[in-house]
Amino acid sequence: MTGALAPTKPLTVADRCDRCGAQAYVRAVLVGGGDLLFCAHHGRKYAEALRSNGADIQDETDRLNETPAAASPEER
């Protein structure tokens, strides 16, 4: 084992914040192998403390600024 973390799957709309239940955009992969999911607000609040304890942070909050793709005529 190299100690490298396995890649994690992208977060989906079904992934919910462990603190408030909002859509999760941040995953903290803990040293022991578990993970915690957070909305953008709680992700910012806890990221520094989690990182200092060795957690790997997967931050997808940049997706909040994406514009949804327009539906094609076939999808309308």
C-alpha atoms as a PDB file:
ATOM      1  CA  MET A   1       0.000   0.000   0.000  1.00  0.00           C
ATOM      2  CA  THR A   2       1.372   3.389  -0.982  1.00  0.00           C
ATOM      3  CA  GLY A   3      -0.775   5.466   1.337  1.00  0.00           C
ATOM      4  CA  ALA A   4      -2.366   7.267  -1.603  1.00  0.00           C
ATOM      5  CA  LEU A   5      -6.091   7.707  -1.420  1.00  0.00           C
ATOM      6  CA  ALA A   6      -8.285   6.037  -3.985  1.00  0.00           C
ATOM      7  CA  PRO A   7     -10.079   8.504  -6.240  1.00  0.00           C
ATOM      8  CA  THR A   8     -13.582   9.331  -5.096  1.00  0.00           C
ATOM      9  CA  LYS A   9     -16.668   9.559  -7.264  1.00  0.00           C
ATOM     10  CA  PRO A  10     -18.112  13.005  -7.997  1.00  0.00           C
ATOM     11  CA  LEU A  11     -20.814  14.121  -5.591  1.00  0.00           C
ATOM     12  CA  THR A  12     -24.400  13.935  -6.846  1.00  0.00           C
ATOM     13  CA  VAL A  13     -27.656  15.659  -5.952  1.00  0.00           C
ATOM     14  CA  ALA A  14     -28.437  12.650  -3.736  1.00  0.00           C
ATOM     15  CA  ASP A  15     -25.386  13.361  -1.518  1.00  0.00           C
ATOM     16  CA  ARG A  16     -26.473  15.414   1.483  1.00  0.00           C
ATOM     17  CA  CYS A  17     -24.605  17.467   4.102  1.00  0.00           C
ATOM     18  CA  ASP A  18     -24.039  15.534   7.331  1.00  0.00           C
ATOM     19  CA  ARG A  19     -24.722  18.723   9.342  1.00  0.00           C
ATOM     20  CA  CYS A  20     -27.820  20.274   7.764  1.00  0.00           C
ATOM     21  CA  GLY A  21     -29.087  18.022   4.964  1.00  0.00           C
ATOM     22  CA  ALA A  22     -28.435  20.481   2.104  1.00  0.00           C
ATOM     23  CA  GLN A  23     -26.836  19.235  -1.113  1.00  0.00           C
ATOM     24  CA  ALA A  24     -23.210  18.232  -0.451  1.00  0.00           C
ATOM     25  CA  TYR A  25     -20.396  19.840  -2.431  1.00  0.00           C
ATOM     26  CA  VAL A  26     -17.504  18.901  -0.126  1.00  0.00           C
ATOM     27  CA  ARG A  27     -16.288  15.431   0.875  1.00  0.00           C
ATOM     28  CA  ALA A  28     -13.752  14.978   3.659  1.00  0.00           C
ATOM     29  CA  VAL A  29     -12.046  11.585   3.422  1.00  0.00           C
ATOM     30  CA  LEU A  30     -10.807  10.769   6.921  1.00  0.00           C
ATOM     31  CA  VAL A  31      -7.518   9.074   7.760  1.00  0.00           C
ATOM     32  CA  GLY A  32      -9.396   6.035   9.092  1.00  0.00           C
ATOM     33  CA  GLY A  33     -11.141   5.570   5.755  1.00  0.00           C
ATOM     34  CA  GLY A  34     -14.571   7.034   6.442  1.00  0.00           C
ATOM     35  CA  ASP A  35     -15.872  10.198   4.905  1.00  0.00           C
ATOM     36  CA  LEU A  36     -18.021  13.175   5.808  1.00  0.00           C
ATOM     37  CA  LEU A  37     -20.164  15.173   3.382  1.00  0.00           C
ATOM     38  CA  PHE A  38     -20.816  18.897   3.738  1.00  0.00           C
ATOM     39  CA  CYS A  39     -22.657  21.686   1.951  1.00  0.00           C
ATOM     40  CA  ALA A  40     -20.458  24.604   0.832  1.00  0.00           C
ATOM     41  CA  HIS A  41     -21.094  26.534   4.070  1.00  0.00           C
ATOM     42  CA  HIS A  42     -20.202  23.695   6.435  1.00  0.00           C
ATOM     43  CA  GLY A  43     -17.350  22.593   4.168  1.00  0.00           C
ATOM     44  CA  ARG A  44     -15.716  26.011   4.581  1.00  0.00           C
ATOM     45  CA  LYS A  45     -16.424  25.962   8.314  1.00  0.00           C
ATOM     46  CA  TYR A  46     -14.747  22.593   8.990  1.00  0.00           C
ATOM     47  CA  ALA A  47     -12.172  22.180   6.167  1.00  0.00           C
ATOM     48  CA  GLU A  48      -9.192  23.650   8.013  1.00  0.00           C
ATOM     49  CA  ALA A  49      -9.710  21.537  11.151  1.00  0.00           C
ATOM     50  CA  LEU A  50     -10.267  18.391   9.090  1.00  0.00           C
ATOM     51  CA  ARG A  51      -7.155  19.048   6.965  1.00  0.00           C
ATOM     52  CA  SER A  52      -5.046  19.600  10.084  1.00  0.00           C
ATOM     53  CA  ASN A  53      -6.167  16.146  11.251  1.00  0.00           C
ATOM     54  CA  GLY A  54      -5.066  14.522   7.999  1.00  0.00           C
ATOM     55  CA  ALA A  55      -8.334  14.469   6.034  1.00  0.00           C
ATOM     56  CA  ASP A  56      -8.252  14.771   2.252  1.00  0.00           C
ATOM     57  CA  ILE A  57     -10.787  17.379   1.099  1.00  0.00           C
ATOM     58  CA  GLN A  58     -12.655  16.936  -2.191  1.00  0.00           C
ATOM     59  CA  ASP A  59     -14.133  20.383  -2.902  1.00  0.00           C
ATOM     60  CA  GLU A  60     -16.701  20.674  -5.706  1.00  0.00           C
ATOM     61  CA  THR A  61     -18.095  24.068  -4.687  1.00  0.00           C
ATOM     62  CA  ASP A  62     -17.032  25.491  -8.070  1.00  0.00           C
ATOM     63  CA  ARG A  63     -20.077  23.642  -9.463  1.00  0.00           C
ATOM     64  CA  LEU A  64     -22.294  26.194  -7.697  1.00  0.00           C
ATOM     65  CA  ASN A  65     -21.297  28.786 -10.318  1.00  0.00           C
ATOM     66  CA  GLU A  66     -21.978  26.591 -13.354  1.00  0.00           C
ATOM     67  CA  THR A  67     -24.813  27.491 -15.687  1.00  0.00           C
ATOM     68  CA  PRO A  68     -27.040  24.531 -16.536  1.00  0.00           C
ATOM     69  CA  ALA A  69     -26.801  23.411 -20.149  1.00  0.00           C
ATOM     70  CA  ALA A  70     -29.723  24.426 -22.308  1.00  0.00           C
ATOM     71  CA  ALA A  71     -32.073  21.609 -23.229  1.00  0.00           C
ATOM     72  CA  SER A  72     -31.887  20.480 -26.834  1.00  0.00           C
ATOM     73  CA  PRO A  73     -35.088  20.754 -28.925  1.00  0.00           C
ATOM     74  CA  GLU A  74     -35.541  16.977 -28.588  1.00  0.00           C
ATOM     75  CA  GLU A  75     -35.538  17.251 -24.769  1.00  0.00           C
ATOM     76  CA  ARG A  76     -38.124  20.071 -24.637  1.00  0.00           C
END
